[in-house]
Amino acid sequence: MRKNLKPKAYIYPLPVLIVGTYDENGTPDAMNAAWGTVCDTAQVSICLSAGHKTVKNLLKTQAFTVAIADAKNVIPADYVGVVSANNVPDKLKNTGWHITKSQFVNAPIIEELPLVLECKLVSYDAETEICIGEVVNVSVDDCILNDKDKVDLTKFQPICYDCDGHGYYKLGEKVGNAFADGLKLK
């Protein structure tokens, strides 16, 4: 039996994205954003409300990083989503995260998050609140790579957000082979 629910964009999984920027004083900032996706082979799209300090920062610097939170970092990842840099400018100090500056864009890399996309701002539409970034580099900790330098989700364990239950869940179990398993039905 199926049920009809009220209209809502149920797209699962929603990755937990940590968007990093520097403010006008060079202070690193990060926020938790779950509404993001790939929009081209080297571009990401994230829905970000204009009132966020992170958005103000990326509009000034024209750069940002997007890290994918993992199971080891649930608490600090949630913290940067519930505390605003508009109120606590140095909020990253409470996370215990270590920050280094990207070599490619004027934005911070959070060392504890193993996969970071370094982006140049392509566009931000204040009406739709859609931010598009061009990925100019991917910084990855080798602890989540396999022997072919590919990301291994069983090592990475990225987390996703449940927009109905307000929970975080880790990913990692392989259940099939893309572009191969479906061929069995040919």
C-alpha atoms as a PDB file:
ATOM      1  CA  MET A   1       0.000   0.000   0.000  1.00  0.00           C
ATOM      2  CA  ARG A   2       1.261   3.468  -0.873  1.00  0.00           C
ATOM      3  CA  LYS A   3       0.471   6.813   0.771  1.00  0.00           C
ATOM      4  CA  ASN A   4       0.478  10.312  -0.607  1.00  0.00           C
ATOM      5  CA  LEU A   5       2.458  12.851   1.397  1.00  0.00           C
ATOM      6  CA  LYS A   6       2.457  16.606   1.128  1.00  0.00           C
ATOM      7  CA  PRO A   7       4.758  17.895  -1.607  1.00  0.00           C
ATOM      8  CA  LYS A   8       8.370  18.020  -0.449  1.00  0.00           C
ATOM      9  CA  ALA A   9      11.645  17.476  -2.290  1.00  0.00           C
ATOM     10  CA  TYR A  10      12.436  14.031  -0.921  1.00  0.00           C
ATOM     11  CA  ILE A  11      15.810  13.477  -2.509  1.00  0.00           C
ATOM     12  CA  TYR A  12      17.807  10.935  -0.543  1.00  0.00           C
ATOM     13  CA  PRO A  13      20.517  10.902   0.460  1.00  0.00           C
ATOM     14  CA  LEU A  14      21.151  14.573   1.188  1.00  0.00           C
ATOM     15  CA  PRO A  15      24.898  14.908   1.733  1.00  0.00           C
ATOM     16  CA  VAL A  16      26.005  16.940   4.737  1.00  0.00           C
ATOM     17  CA  LEU A  17      28.079  19.662   3.125  1.00  0.00           C
ATOM     18  CA  ILE A  18      30.311  21.967   5.124  1.00  0.00           C
ATOM     19  CA  VAL A  19      30.801  25.215   3.217  1.00  0.00           C
ATOM     20  CA  GLY A  20      33.953  27.091   4.225  1.00  0.00           C
ATOM     21  CA  THR A  21      34.889  30.733   3.647  1.00  0.00           C
ATOM     22  CA  TYR A  22      37.067  33.516   5.022  1.00  0.00           C
ATOM     23  CA  ASP A  23      35.544  36.756   6.245  1.00  0.00           C
ATOM     24  CA  GLU A  24      36.858  40.260   5.572  1.00  0.00           C
ATOM     25  CA  ASN A  25      39.381  39.855   8.445  1.00  0.00           C
ATOM     26  CA  GLY A  26      40.660  36.471   7.290  1.00  0.00           C
ATOM     27  CA  THR A  27      38.726  34.589   9.984  1.00  0.00           C
ATOM     28  CA  PRO A  28      37.638  31.166   8.750  1.00  0.00           C
ATOM     29  CA  ASP A  29      33.940  30.336   8.819  1.00  0.00           C
ATOM     30  CA  ALA A  30      31.955  27.216   7.953  1.00  0.00           C
ATOM     31  CA  MET A  31      28.311  26.281   7.804  1.00  0.00           C
ATOM     32  CA  ASN A  32      26.377  23.054   7.429  1.00  0.00           C
ATOM     33  CA  ALA A  33      24.311  22.899   4.219  1.00  0.00           C
ATOM     34  CA  ALA A  34      22.353  19.816   3.188  1.00  0.00           C
ATOM     35  CA  TRP A  35      20.724  21.102   0.013  1.00  0.00           C
ATOM     36  CA  GLY A  36      23.496  20.629  -2.509  1.00  0.00           C
ATOM     37  CA  THR A  37      24.327  18.546  -5.533  1.00  0.00           C
ATOM     38  CA  VAL A  38      26.454  18.166  -8.642  1.00  0.00           C
ATOM     39  CA  CYS A  39      25.235  20.357 -11.503  1.00  0.00           C
ATOM     40  CA  ASP A  40      28.026  19.702 -14.049  1.00  0.00           C
ATOM     41  CA  THR A  41      31.180  17.591 -14.145  1.00  0.00           C
ATOM     42  CA  ALA A  42      33.158  20.293 -12.324  1.00  0.00           C
ATOM     43  CA  GLN A  43      30.386  22.364 -10.733  1.00  0.00           C
ATOM     44  CA  VAL A  44      28.329  22.155  -7.576  1.00  0.00           C
ATOM     45  CA  SER A  45      25.011  23.789  -6.731  1.00  0.00           C
ATOM     46  CA  ILE A  46      24.029  24.582  -3.143  1.00  0.00           C
ATOM     47  CA  CYS A  47      20.953  26.333  -1.778  1.00  0.00           C
ATOM     48  CA  LEU A  48      22.232  28.957   0.697  1.00  0.00           C
ATOM     49  CA  SER A  49      20.131  31.667   2.343  1.00  0.00           C
ATOM     50  CA  ALA A  50      21.509  35.149   1.780  1.00  0.00           C
ATOM     51  CA  GLY A  51      21.532  35.989   5.495  1.00  0.00           C
ATOM     52  CA  HIS A  52      24.289  33.506   6.303  1.00  0.00           C
ATOM     53  CA  LYS A  53      27.709  34.975   7.105  1.00  0.00           C
ATOM     54  CA  THR A  54      29.152  32.292   4.829  1.00  0.00           C
ATOM     55  CA  VAL A  55      27.199  33.676   1.862  1.00  0.00           C
ATOM     56  CA  LYS A  56      28.311  37.245   2.632  1.00  0.00           C
ATOM     57  CA  ASN A  57      31.898  35.963   2.757  1.00  0.00           C
ATOM     58  CA  LEU A  58      31.812  34.000  -0.497  1.00  0.00           C
ATOM     59  CA  LEU A  59      30.280  36.956  -2.312  1.00  0.00           C
ATOM     60  CA  LYS A  60      33.230  39.088  -1.160  1.00  0.00           C
ATOM     61  CA  THR A  61      35.987  36.550  -1.767  1.00  0.00           C
ATOM     62  CA  GLN A  62      34.400  34.820  -4.789  1.00  0.00           C
ATOM     63  CA  ALA A  63      35.646  31.525  -3.341  1.00  0.00           C
ATOM     64  CA  PHE A  64      34.596  28.740  -0.979  1.00  0.00           C
ATOM     65  CA  THR A  65      35.268  25.137  -0.084  1.00  0.00           C
ATOM     66  CA  VAL A  66      32.755  22.318   0.165  1.00  0.00           C
ATOM     67  CA  ALA A  67      33.695  19.455   2.453  1.00  0.00           C
ATOM     68  CA  ILE A  68      31.585  16.354   2.846  1.00  0.00           C
ATOM     69  CA  ALA A  69      31.108  15.569   6.519  1.00  0.00           C
ATOM     70  CA  ASP A  70      31.860  12.056   7.695  1.00  0.00           C
ATOM     71  CA  ALA A  71      30.746   9.869  10.592  1.00  0.00           C
ATOM     72  CA  LYS A  72      33.743  10.885  12.726  1.00  0.00           C
ATOM     73  CA  ASN A  73      32.720  14.557  12.551  1.00  0.00           C
ATOM     74  CA  VAL A  74      28.976  14.518  13.272  1.00  0.00           C
ATOM     75  CA  ILE A  75      29.149  16.757  16.353  1.00  0.00           C
ATOM     76  CA  PRO A  76      31.282  19.589  14.919  1.00  0.00           C
ATOM     77  CA  ALA A  77      29.441  19.335  11.579  1.00  0.00           C
ATOM     78  CA  ASP A  78      26.120  19.829  13.351  1.00  0.00           C
ATOM     79  CA  TYR A  79      27.579  22.622  15.506  1.00  0.00           C
ATOM     80  CA  VAL A  80      28.515  24.742  12.478  1.00  0.00           C
ATOM     81  CA  GLY A  81      24.910  24.376  11.360  1.00  0.00           C
ATOM     82  CA  VAL A  82      23.291  25.450  14.610  1.00  0.00           C
ATOM     83  CA  VAL A  83      25.631  28.331  15.493  1.00  0.00           C
ATOM     84  CA  SER A  84      25.807  31.376  13.224  1.00  0.00           C
ATOM     85  CA  ALA A  85      29.016  33.253  12.487  1.00  0.00           C
ATOM     86  CA  ASN A  86      26.820  36.354  12.433  1.00  0.00           C
ATOM     87  CA  ASN A  87      26.654  35.890  16.220  1.00  0.00           C
ATOM     88  CA  VAL A  88      29.859  33.928  16.942  1.00  0.00           C
ATOM     89  CA  PRO A  89      32.489  35.062  14.402  1.00  0.00           C
ATOM     90  CA  ASP A  90      35.157  32.599  15.591  1.00  0.00           C
ATOM     91  CA  LYS A  91      32.798  29.631  15.950  1.00  0.00           C
ATOM     92  CA  LEU A  92      35.270  27.218  14.342  1.00  0.00           C
ATOM     93  CA  LYS A  93      37.447  27.390  17.471  1.00  0.00           C
ATOM     94  CA  ASN A  94      34.809  25.339  19.305  1.00  0.00           C
ATOM     95  CA  THR A  95      34.902  22.513  16.744  1.00  0.00           C
ATOM     96  CA  GLY A  96      38.475  21.397  17.372  1.00  0.00           C
ATOM     97  CA  TRP A  97      39.012  21.414  13.621  1.00  0.00           C
ATOM     98  CA  HIS A  98      42.333  22.510  12.146  1.00  0.00           C
ATOM     99  CA  ILE A  99      42.231  24.960   9.262  1.00  0.00           C
ATOM    100  CA  THR A 100      44.688  25.407   6.404  1.00  0.00           C
ATOM    101  CA  LYS A 101      44.312  27.787   3.500  1.00  0.00           C
ATOM    102  CA  SER A 102      43.575  26.317   0.103  1.00  0.00           C
ATOM    103  CA  GLN A 103      46.405  26.638  -2.404  1.00  0.00           C
ATOM    104  CA  PHE A 104      43.868  27.220  -5.173  1.00  0.00           C
ATOM    105  CA  VAL A 105      41.166  29.540  -3.809  1.00  0.00           C
ATOM    106  CA  ASN A 106      40.844  32.035  -0.961  1.00  0.00           C
ATOM    107  CA  ALA A 107      38.983  29.647   1.328  1.00  0.00           C
ATOM    108  CA  PRO A 108      39.751  27.324   4.243  1.00  0.00           C
ATOM    109  CA  ILE A 109      40.308  23.587   4.197  1.00  0.00           C
ATOM    110  CA  ILE A 110      39.157  21.730   7.299  1.00  0.00           C
ATOM    111  CA  GLU A 111      41.845  19.094   7.798  1.00  0.00           C
ATOM    112  CA  GLU A 112      39.598  16.675   9.700  1.00  0.00           C
ATOM    113  CA  LEU A 113      37.142  16.410   6.806  1.00  0.00           C
ATOM    114  CA  PRO A 114      38.752  14.016   4.324  1.00  0.00           C
ATOM    115  CA  LEU A 115      37.155  15.257   1.077  1.00  0.00           C
ATOM    116  CA  VAL A 116      37.145  18.950   0.202  1.00  0.00           C
ATOM    117  CA  LEU A 117      36.120  20.610  -3.060  1.00  0.00           C
ATOM    118  CA  GLU A 118      37.886  23.937  -3.621  1.00  0.00           C
ATOM    119  CA  CYS A 119      35.582  26.242  -5.575  1.00  0.00           C
ATOM    120  CA  LYS A 120      35.477  29.546  -7.383  1.00  0.00           C
ATOM    121  CA  LEU A 121      32.112  31.267  -7.274  1.00  0.00           C
ATOM    122  CA  VAL A 122      30.350  31.088 -10.626  1.00  0.00           C
ATOM    123  CA  SER A 123      27.087  32.679  -9.537  1.00  0.00           C
ATOM    124  CA  TYR A 124      24.789  33.394  -6.651  1.00  0.00           C
ATOM    125  CA  ASP A 125      21.134  34.231  -7.197  1.00  0.00           C
ATOM    126  CA  ALA A 126      19.713  36.012  -4.153  1.00  0.00           C
ATOM    127  CA  GLU A 127      16.150  35.323  -5.299  1.00  0.00           C
ATOM    128  CA  THR A 128      16.512  31.538  -5.676  1.00  0.00           C
ATOM    129  CA  GLU A 129      19.382  31.340  -3.147  1.00  0.00           C
ATOM    130  CA  ILE A 130      21.269  29.058  -5.510  1.00  0.00           C
ATOM    131  CA  CYS A 131      25.052  29.193  -5.330  1.00  0.00           C
ATOM    132  CA  ILE A 132      27.048  27.636  -8.176  1.00  0.00           C
ATOM    133  CA  GLY A 133      30.724  26.907  -7.720  1.00  0.00           C
ATOM    134  CA  GLU A 134      33.362  25.692 -10.135  1.00  0.00           C
ATOM    135  CA  VAL A 135      35.515  22.982  -8.594  1.00  0.00           C
ATOM    136  CA  VAL A 136      39.142  23.917  -9.274  1.00  0.00           C
ATOM    137  CA  ASN A 137      40.720  21.282  -7.032  1.00  0.00           C
ATOM    138  CA  VAL A 138      39.759  18.315  -4.899  1.00  0.00           C
ATOM    139  CA  SER A 139      41.777  17.893  -1.725  1.00  0.00           C
ATOM    140  CA  VAL A 140      41.474  14.379  -0.317  1.00  0.00           C
ATOM    141  CA  ASP A 141      43.083  12.629   2.622  1.00  0.00           C
ATOM    142  CA  ASP A 142      44.716   9.423   1.414  1.00  0.00           C
ATOM    143  CA  CYS A 143      43.132   7.533   4.334  1.00  0.00           C
ATOM    144  CA  ILE A 144      39.892   7.294   2.302  1.00  0.00           C
ATOM    145  CA  LEU A 145      41.503   6.272  -0.996  1.00  0.00           C
ATOM    146  CA  ASN A 146      41.806   2.782  -2.403  1.00  0.00           C
ATOM    147  CA  ASP A 147      44.959   1.465  -4.106  1.00  0.00           C
ATOM    148  CA  LYS A 148      43.874   3.164  -7.375  1.00  0.00           C
ATOM    149  CA  ASP A 149      43.554   6.616  -5.727  1.00  0.00           C
ATOM    150  CA  LYS A 150      39.757   6.479  -5.891  1.00  0.00           C
ATOM    151  CA  VAL A 151      37.536   7.410  -2.958  1.00  0.00           C
ATOM    152  CA  ASP A 152      36.510   4.289  -1.032  1.00  0.00           C
ATOM    153  CA  LEU A 153      33.128   4.933   0.631  1.00  0.00           C
ATOM    154  CA  THR A 154      33.698   2.109   3.122  1.00  0.00           C
ATOM    155  CA  LYS A 155      36.722   4.019   4.421  1.00  0.00           C
ATOM    156  CA  PHE A 156      35.194   7.472   4.043  1.00  0.00           C
ATOM    157  CA  GLN A 157      31.737   6.904   5.581  1.00  0.00           C
ATOM    158  CA  PRO A 158      30.178  10.229   4.512  1.00  0.00           C
ATOM    159  CA  ILE A 159      27.025  11.212   6.332  1.00  0.00           C
ATOM    160  CA  CYS A 160      23.681  12.261   4.960  1.00  0.00           C
ATOM    161  CA  TYR A 161      20.833  14.237   6.469  1.00  0.00           C
ATOM    162  CA  ASP A 162      17.277  12.984   6.979  1.00  0.00           C
ATOM    163  CA  CYS A 163      15.081  16.049   6.455  1.00  0.00           C
ATOM    164  CA  ASP A 164      12.018  14.396   8.013  1.00  0.00           C
ATOM    165  CA  GLY A 165      13.556  12.757  11.072  1.00  0.00           C
ATOM    166  CA  HIS A 166      16.346  15.319  11.498  1.00  0.00           C
ATOM    167  CA  GLY A 167      18.966  12.617  11.811  1.00  0.00           C
ATOM    168  CA  TYR A 168      22.376  11.942  10.336  1.00  0.00           C
ATOM    169  CA  TYR A 169      23.177   8.588   8.748  1.00  0.00           C
ATOM    170  CA  LYS A 170      26.446   7.195   7.491  1.00  0.00           C
ATOM    171  CA  LEU A 171      26.886   5.664   4.064  1.00  0.00           C
ATOM    172  CA  GLY A 172      29.350   3.016   3.122  1.00  0.00           C
ATOM    173  CA  GLU A 173      28.021  -0.414   2.214  1.00  0.00           C
ATOM    174  CA  LYS A 174      28.376  -1.347  -1.451  1.00  0.00           C
ATOM    175  CA  VAL A 175      25.259  -3.012  -2.842  1.00  0.00           C
ATOM    176  CA  GLY A 176      25.913  -3.130  -6.580  1.00  0.00           C
ATOM    177  CA  ASN A 177      28.027  -2.165  -9.576  1.00  0.00           C
ATOM    178  CA  ALA A 178      27.050   0.899 -11.591  1.00  0.00           C
ATOM    179  CA  PHE A 179      26.857   0.547 -15.373  1.00  0.00           C
ATOM    180  CA  ALA A 180      27.181  -3.237 -15.020  1.00  0.00           C
ATOM    181  CA  ASP A 181      24.462  -4.855 -12.905  1.00  0.00           C
ATOM    182  CA  GLY A 182      21.652  -3.520 -15.089  1.00  0.00           C
ATOM    183  CA  LEU A 183      23.183  -5.198 -18.122  1.00  0.00           C
ATOM    184  CA  LYS A 184      21.888  -8.515 -16.728  1.00  0.00           C
ATOM    185  CA  LEU A 185      18.412  -7.440 -17.838  1.00  0.00           C
ATOM    186  CA  LYS A 186      19.421  -6.865 -21.480  1.00  0.00           C
END
